[in-house]
């Protein structure tokens, strides 16, 4: 079965990977009142990927949610689903 993962890289080089679960997709759709695929493909907002990362961290029980210290965020898509990956490198925080 194809899967989608959100991979975070911290400033210290540590990588954390979370599977995009059905409950995360439902929570996203409930929060934003639209389908997660439609929103990601049509609006292409990097903040949506950060939303998923934050949600998945909370669900895994990670209480250290300092996303400012993340260097990159990568959405890894299994071949056959979309055949691509989305990489986000955060810019300077205002």
C-alpha atoms as a PDB file:
ATOM      1  CA  UNK A   1       0.000   0.000   0.000  1.00  0.00           C
ATOM      2  CA  UNK A   2       1.277   3.449  -0.894  1.00  0.00           C
ATOM      3  CA  UNK A   3       2.028   5.759   1.994  1.00  0.00           C
ATOM      4  CA  UNK A   4       2.801   9.385   2.604  1.00  0.00           C
ATOM      5  CA  UNK A   5       5.299  10.463   5.218  1.00  0.00           C
ATOM      6  CA  UNK A   6       6.210  13.805   6.708  1.00  0.00           C
ATOM      7  CA  UNK A   7       9.933  13.958   7.426  1.00  0.00           C
ATOM      8  CA  UNK A   8      11.387  16.681   9.646  1.00  0.00           C
ATOM      9  CA  UNK A   9      15.086  17.486   9.910  1.00  0.00           C
ATOM     10  CA  UNK A  10      16.161  19.337  13.046  1.00  0.00           C
ATOM     11  CA  UNK A  11      19.066  21.776  13.309  1.00  0.00           C
ATOM     12  CA  UNK A  12      21.168  19.084  14.981  1.00  0.00           C
ATOM     13  CA  UNK A  13      20.708  16.850  11.914  1.00  0.00           C
ATOM     14  CA  UNK A  14      18.283  14.438  13.584  1.00  0.00           C
ATOM     15  CA  UNK A  15      15.537  13.269  11.246  1.00  0.00           C
ATOM     16  CA  UNK A  16      12.041  12.354  12.386  1.00  0.00           C
ATOM     17  CA  UNK A  17       9.543  10.676  10.101  1.00  0.00           C
ATOM     18  CA  UNK A  18       5.780  10.468  10.630  1.00  0.00           C
ATOM     19  CA  UNK A  19       3.294   8.540   8.522  1.00  0.00           C
ATOM     20  CA  UNK A  20       0.388  10.647   7.344  1.00  0.00           C
ATOM     21  CA  UNK A  21      -2.395   8.735   9.084  1.00  0.00           C
ATOM     22  CA  UNK A  22      -6.079   8.658   8.187  1.00  0.00           C
ATOM     23  CA  UNK A  23      -6.862  10.473  11.451  1.00  0.00           C
ATOM     24  CA  UNK A  24      -4.441  13.276  10.483  1.00  0.00           C
ATOM     25  CA  UNK A  25      -6.127  13.621   7.095  1.00  0.00           C
ATOM     26  CA  UNK A  26      -9.588  13.761   8.691  1.00  0.00           C
ATOM     27  CA  UNK A  27      -8.399  16.325  11.266  1.00  0.00           C
ATOM     28  CA  UNK A  28      -6.918  18.457   8.458  1.00  0.00           C
ATOM     29  CA  UNK A  29     -10.138  18.305   6.436  1.00  0.00           C
ATOM     30  CA  UNK A  30     -12.223  19.143   9.499  1.00  0.00           C
ATOM     31  CA  UNK A  31      -9.981  22.083  10.393  1.00  0.00           C
ATOM     32  CA  UNK A  32      -9.709  23.565   6.893  1.00  0.00           C
ATOM     33  CA  UNK A  33     -13.166  22.496   5.594  1.00  0.00           C
ATOM     34  CA  UNK A  34     -11.743  21.070   2.370  1.00  0.00           C
ATOM     35  CA  UNK A  35     -10.099  17.903   1.106  1.00  0.00           C
ATOM     36  CA  UNK A  36      -6.426  17.589   2.042  1.00  0.00           C
ATOM     37  CA  UNK A  37      -5.295  16.533  -1.460  1.00  0.00           C
ATOM     38  CA  UNK A  38      -7.257  19.324  -3.139  1.00  0.00           C
ATOM     39  CA  UNK A  39      -5.834  21.937  -0.788  1.00  0.00           C
ATOM     40  CA  UNK A  40      -2.232  20.704  -1.061  1.00  0.00           C
ATOM     41  CA  UNK A  41      -2.336  20.443  -4.847  1.00  0.00           C
ATOM     42  CA  UNK A  42      -4.316  23.581  -5.644  1.00  0.00           C
ATOM     43  CA  UNK A  43      -3.230  26.057  -2.984  1.00  0.00           C
ATOM     44  CA  UNK A  44       0.301  24.691  -2.367  1.00  0.00           C
ATOM     45  CA  UNK A  45       0.713  26.409   0.997  1.00  0.00           C
ATOM     46  CA  UNK A  46       3.767  25.284   2.910  1.00  0.00           C
ATOM     47  CA  UNK A  47       1.941  26.140   6.130  1.00  0.00           C
ATOM     48  CA  UNK A  48      -0.317  23.145   5.436  1.00  0.00           C
ATOM     49  CA  UNK A  49       2.701  20.825   5.592  1.00  0.00           C
ATOM     50  CA  UNK A  50       3.754  22.436   8.861  1.00  0.00           C
ATOM     51  CA  UNK A  51       0.212  21.936  10.154  1.00  0.00           C
ATOM     52  CA  UNK A  52       0.486  18.201   9.407  1.00  0.00           C
ATOM     53  CA  UNK A  53       3.917  18.044  11.051  1.00  0.00           C
ATOM     54  CA  UNK A  54       2.641  19.765  14.202  1.00  0.00           C
ATOM     55  CA  UNK A  55      -0.462  17.546  14.374  1.00  0.00           C
ATOM     56  CA  UNK A  56       1.528  14.338  13.894  1.00  0.00           C
ATOM     57  CA  UNK A  57       4.072  15.368  16.541  1.00  0.00           C
ATOM     58  CA  UNK A  58       1.269  15.994  19.031  1.00  0.00           C
ATOM     59  CA  UNK A  59      -0.347  12.638  18.290  1.00  0.00           C
ATOM     60  CA  UNK A  60       2.968  10.838  18.852  1.00  0.00           C
ATOM     61  CA  UNK A  61       3.246  12.502  22.255  1.00  0.00           C
ATOM     62  CA  UNK A  62       6.189  14.756  21.396  1.00  0.00           C
ATOM     63  CA  UNK A  63       5.929  17.736  23.747  1.00  0.00           C
ATOM     64  CA  UNK A  64       8.986  19.503  22.276  1.00  0.00           C
ATOM     65  CA  UNK A  65       7.106  21.227  19.452  1.00  0.00           C
ATOM     66  CA  UNK A  66       9.590  23.924  18.554  1.00  0.00           C
ATOM     67  CA  UNK A  67       9.071  23.900  14.778  1.00  0.00           C
ATOM     68  CA  UNK A  68      11.249  27.008  14.511  1.00  0.00           C
ATOM     69  CA  UNK A  69      14.267  24.751  15.111  1.00  0.00           C
ATOM     70  CA  UNK A  70      13.408  22.544  12.134  1.00  0.00           C
ATOM     71  CA  UNK A  71      15.662  22.968   9.140  1.00  0.00           C
ATOM     72  CA  UNK A  72      13.626  21.168   6.507  1.00  0.00           C
ATOM     73  CA  UNK A  73      10.259  19.547   6.113  1.00  0.00           C
ATOM     74  CA  UNK A  74       9.843  16.918   3.444  1.00  0.00           C
ATOM     75  CA  UNK A  75       6.634  15.296   2.319  1.00  0.00           C
ATOM     76  CA  UNK A  76       7.642  11.931   0.915  1.00  0.00           C
ATOM     77  CA  UNK A  77       5.162  10.316  -1.404  1.00  0.00           C
ATOM     78  CA  UNK A  78       5.393   6.670  -2.372  1.00  0.00           C
ATOM     79  CA  UNK A  79       5.720   5.928  -6.097  1.00  0.00           C
ATOM     80  CA  UNK A  80       2.370   5.422  -7.741  1.00  0.00           C
ATOM     81  CA  UNK A  81       0.552   7.901  -5.544  1.00  0.00           C
ATOM     82  CA  UNK A  82       1.859  11.156  -7.013  1.00  0.00           C
ATOM     83  CA  UNK A  83       5.441  10.244  -7.881  1.00  0.00           C
ATOM     84  CA  UNK A  84       6.888  13.362  -6.288  1.00  0.00           C
ATOM     85  CA  UNK A  85       7.987  14.883  -3.029  1.00  0.00           C
ATOM     86  CA  UNK A  86       7.507  18.341  -1.601  1.00  0.00           C
ATOM     87  CA  UNK A  87      10.434  19.952   0.213  1.00  0.00           C
ATOM     88  CA  UNK A  88      10.066  23.019   2.378  1.00  0.00           C
ATOM     89  CA  UNK A  89      12.972  24.991   3.826  1.00  0.00           C
ATOM     90  CA  UNK A  90      11.699  27.608   6.235  1.00  0.00           C
ATOM     91  CA  UNK A  91      12.856  31.152   5.778  1.00  0.00           C
ATOM     92  CA  UNK A  92      13.740  33.630   8.515  1.00  0.00           C
ATOM     93  CA  UNK A  93      11.034  34.028  11.110  1.00  0.00           C
ATOM     94  CA  UNK A  94       9.544  37.501  11.406  1.00  0.00           C
END
